[in-house]
Amino acid sequence: SDVYKRQSLERMSEMQRRERCRRAVYLSGQLVEAQWMGEGSGAAGRLVAGLEPGWFAGRIAAKHSDGTYAVEYDNGAREEFVVQEHIRLDVDRTLEERSE
């Protein structure tokens, strides 16, 4: 059930979460949180979007051939070439969307 899945995810250690994220394959349109301007991102994107670095809600817009992703954030910003380690499934929003 959805409650069981949520409790299981909450019990995972940070190391387990990182390993799961490293192996994850995200699909276009999937609800995620992504680390805006993670390591390796340039300052130009920060100026355009007006965001400080951090985790923000969004959706997967595309998967690139190099294994990185394009993320469209809920505030309208978009970031290209986000590495898997800087993306995590937005469990709460995903479960809410499924129950509607």
C-alpha atoms as a PDB file:
ATOM      1  CA  SER A   1       0.000   0.000   0.000  1.00  0.00           C
ATOM      2  CA  ASP A   2       1.045   3.651  -0.368  1.00  0.00           C
ATOM      3  CA  VAL A   3       1.368   4.118   3.400  1.00  0.00           C
ATOM      4  CA  TYR A   4       3.738   1.143   3.621  1.00  0.00           C
ATOM      5  CA  LYS A   5       5.864   2.521   0.742  1.00  0.00           C
ATOM      6  CA  ARG A   6       6.117   5.925   2.408  1.00  0.00           C
ATOM      7  CA  GLN A   7       7.134   4.402   5.762  1.00  0.00           C
ATOM      8  CA  SER A   8       9.770   2.258   4.047  1.00  0.00           C
ATOM      9  CA  LEU A   9      11.272   5.267   2.286  1.00  0.00           C
ATOM     10  CA  GLU A  10      11.339   7.258   5.514  1.00  0.00           C
ATOM     11  CA  ARG A  11      13.305   4.475   7.241  1.00  0.00           C
ATOM     12  CA  MET A  12      16.002   4.336   4.596  1.00  0.00           C
ATOM     13  CA  SER A  13      19.373   5.620   5.635  1.00  0.00           C
ATOM     14  CA  GLU A  14      20.857   8.523   3.713  1.00  0.00           C
ATOM     15  CA  MET A  15      23.387   6.114   2.174  1.00  0.00           C
ATOM     16  CA  GLN A  16      20.604   3.845   0.922  1.00  0.00           C
ATOM     17  CA  ARG A  17      18.793   6.838  -0.570  1.00  0.00           C
ATOM     18  CA  ARG A  18      21.918   7.965  -2.380  1.00  0.00           C
ATOM     19  CA  GLU A  19      22.482   4.474  -3.776  1.00  0.00           C
ATOM     20  CA  ARG A  20      18.871   4.237  -4.940  1.00  0.00           C
ATOM     21  CA  CYS A  21      19.150   7.662  -6.612  1.00  0.00           C
ATOM     22  CA  ARG A  22      22.399   6.643  -8.313  1.00  0.00           C
ATOM     23  CA  ARG A  23      20.689   3.644  -9.904  1.00  0.00           C
ATOM     24  CA  ALA A  24      17.397   5.368 -10.666  1.00  0.00           C
ATOM     25  CA  VAL A  25      16.103   5.910 -14.160  1.00  0.00           C
ATOM     26  CA  TYR A  26      13.640   8.761 -14.336  1.00  0.00           C
ATOM     27  CA  LEU A  27      10.889   9.095 -16.913  1.00  0.00           C
ATOM     28  CA  SER A  28       9.711  12.190 -18.725  1.00  0.00           C
ATOM     29  CA  GLY A  29       7.005  13.904 -16.673  1.00  0.00           C
ATOM     30  CA  GLN A  30       7.980  12.177 -13.423  1.00  0.00           C
ATOM     31  CA  LEU A  31       7.633  14.302 -10.264  1.00  0.00           C
ATOM     32  CA  VAL A  32      11.029  14.888  -8.689  1.00  0.00           C
ATOM     33  CA  GLU A  33      13.041  17.205  -6.517  1.00  0.00           C
ATOM     34  CA  ALA A  34      16.303  18.317  -8.048  1.00  0.00           C
ATOM     35  CA  GLN A  35      19.288  20.113  -6.635  1.00  0.00           C
ATOM     36  CA  TRP A  36      19.263  23.424  -8.484  1.00  0.00           C
ATOM     37  CA  MET A  37      22.737  24.377  -9.565  1.00  0.00           C
ATOM     38  CA  GLY A  38      24.350  21.266  -8.206  1.00  0.00           C
ATOM     39  CA  GLU A  39      28.109  20.832  -8.488  1.00  0.00           C
ATOM     40  CA  GLY A  40      29.394  21.696 -11.922  1.00  0.00           C
ATOM     41  CA  SER A  41      26.581  24.101 -12.818  1.00  0.00           C
ATOM     42  CA  GLY A  42      27.496  27.572 -13.966  1.00  0.00           C
ATOM     43  CA  ALA A  43      26.623  30.914 -12.375  1.00  0.00           C
ATOM     44  CA  ALA A  44      24.837  32.128 -15.534  1.00  0.00           C
ATOM     45  CA  GLY A  45      21.844  29.874 -14.890  1.00  0.00           C
ATOM     46  CA  ARG A  46      21.573  31.148 -11.316  1.00  0.00           C
ATOM     47  CA  LEU A  47      21.315  34.719 -12.551  1.00  0.00           C
ATOM     48  CA  VAL A  48      18.651  33.871 -15.125  1.00  0.00           C
ATOM     49  CA  ALA A  49      16.392  31.990 -12.710  1.00  0.00           C
ATOM     50  CA  GLY A  50      17.096  34.099  -9.623  1.00  0.00           C
ATOM     51  CA  LEU A  51      17.360  31.019  -7.396  1.00  0.00           C
ATOM     52  CA  GLU A  52      19.827  30.131  -4.694  1.00  0.00           C
ATOM     53  CA  PRO A  53      21.281  26.602  -4.831  1.00  0.00           C
ATOM     54  CA  GLY A  54      19.078  23.981  -3.130  1.00  0.00           C
ATOM     55  CA  TRP A  55      16.440  21.272  -3.655  1.00  0.00           C
ATOM     56  CA  PHE A  56      13.331  22.297  -5.600  1.00  0.00           C
ATOM     57  CA  ALA A  57      10.207  20.532  -6.869  1.00  0.00           C
ATOM     58  CA  GLY A  58       9.820  19.896 -10.581  1.00  0.00           C
ATOM     59  CA  ARG A  59       9.341  17.327 -13.321  1.00  0.00           C
ATOM     60  CA  ILE A  60      11.669  15.450 -15.612  1.00  0.00           C
ATOM     61  CA  ALA A  61      11.494  17.173 -18.998  1.00  0.00           C
ATOM     62  CA  ALA A  62      13.892  14.900 -20.884  1.00  0.00           C
ATOM     63  CA  LYS A  63      16.693  12.376 -20.537  1.00  0.00           C
ATOM     64  CA  HIS A  64      19.856  13.201 -22.471  1.00  0.00           C
ATOM     65  CA  SER A  65      22.032  10.637 -24.238  1.00  0.00           C
ATOM     66  CA  ASP A  66      24.834  11.213 -21.706  1.00  0.00           C
ATOM     67  CA  GLY A  67      22.572  10.023 -18.836  1.00  0.00           C
ATOM     68  CA  THR A  68      21.784  13.493 -17.491  1.00  0.00           C
ATOM     69  CA  TYR A  69      18.312  15.006 -17.331  1.00  0.00           C
ATOM     70  CA  ALA A  70      16.496  18.231 -18.131  1.00  0.00           C
ATOM     71  CA  VAL A  71      14.356  19.351 -15.195  1.00  0.00           C
ATOM     72  CA  GLU A  72      11.485  21.826 -15.370  1.00  0.00           C
ATOM     73  CA  TYR A  73      10.974  23.309 -11.937  1.00  0.00           C
ATOM     74  CA  ASP A  74       7.544  24.222 -10.592  1.00  0.00           C
ATOM     75  CA  ASN A  75       8.487  27.916 -10.583  1.00  0.00           C
ATOM     76  CA  GLY A  76       9.034  27.840 -14.361  1.00  0.00           C
ATOM     77  CA  ALA A  77      12.843  27.597 -14.352  1.00  0.00           C
ATOM     78  CA  ARG A  78      14.513  24.861 -16.397  1.00  0.00           C
ATOM     79  CA  GLU A  79      17.903  23.263 -15.893  1.00  0.00           C
ATOM     80  CA  GLU A  80      19.661  21.092 -18.458  1.00  0.00           C
ATOM     81  CA  PHE A  81      22.179  18.287 -17.864  1.00  0.00           C
ATOM     82  CA  VAL A  82      21.325  17.542 -14.231  1.00  0.00           C
ATOM     83  CA  VAL A  83      23.179  14.430 -13.042  1.00  0.00           C
ATOM     84  CA  GLN A  84      21.245  11.570 -11.401  1.00  0.00           C
ATOM     85  CA  GLU A  85      22.854  12.207  -8.023  1.00  0.00           C
ATOM     86  CA  HIS A  86      21.151  15.622  -7.938  1.00  0.00           C
ATOM     87  CA  ILE A  87      17.662  14.234  -8.536  1.00  0.00           C
ATOM     88  CA  ARG A  88      15.383  12.403  -6.148  1.00  0.00           C
ATOM     89  CA  LEU A  89      11.834  11.132  -6.462  1.00  0.00           C
ATOM     90  CA  ASP A  90       9.279  13.454  -4.880  1.00  0.00           C
ATOM     91  CA  VAL A  91       7.539  10.693  -2.934  1.00  0.00           C
ATOM     92  CA  ASP A  92       4.847  12.824  -1.295  1.00  0.00           C
ATOM     93  CA  ARG A  93       3.684  14.498  -4.511  1.00  0.00           C
ATOM     94  CA  THR A  94       3.847  11.225  -6.457  1.00  0.00           C
ATOM     95  CA  LEU A  95       1.647   9.437  -3.899  1.00  0.00           C
ATOM     96  CA  GLU A  96      -0.770  12.379  -3.825  1.00  0.00           C
ATOM     97  CA  GLU A  97      -1.049  12.356  -7.632  1.00  0.00           C
ATOM     98  CA  ARG A  98      -1.728   8.600  -7.681  1.00  0.00           C
ATOM     99  CA  SER A  99      -4.493   8.879  -5.096  1.00  0.00           C
ATOM    100  CA  GLU A 100      -6.384  11.552  -7.062  1.00  0.00           C
END
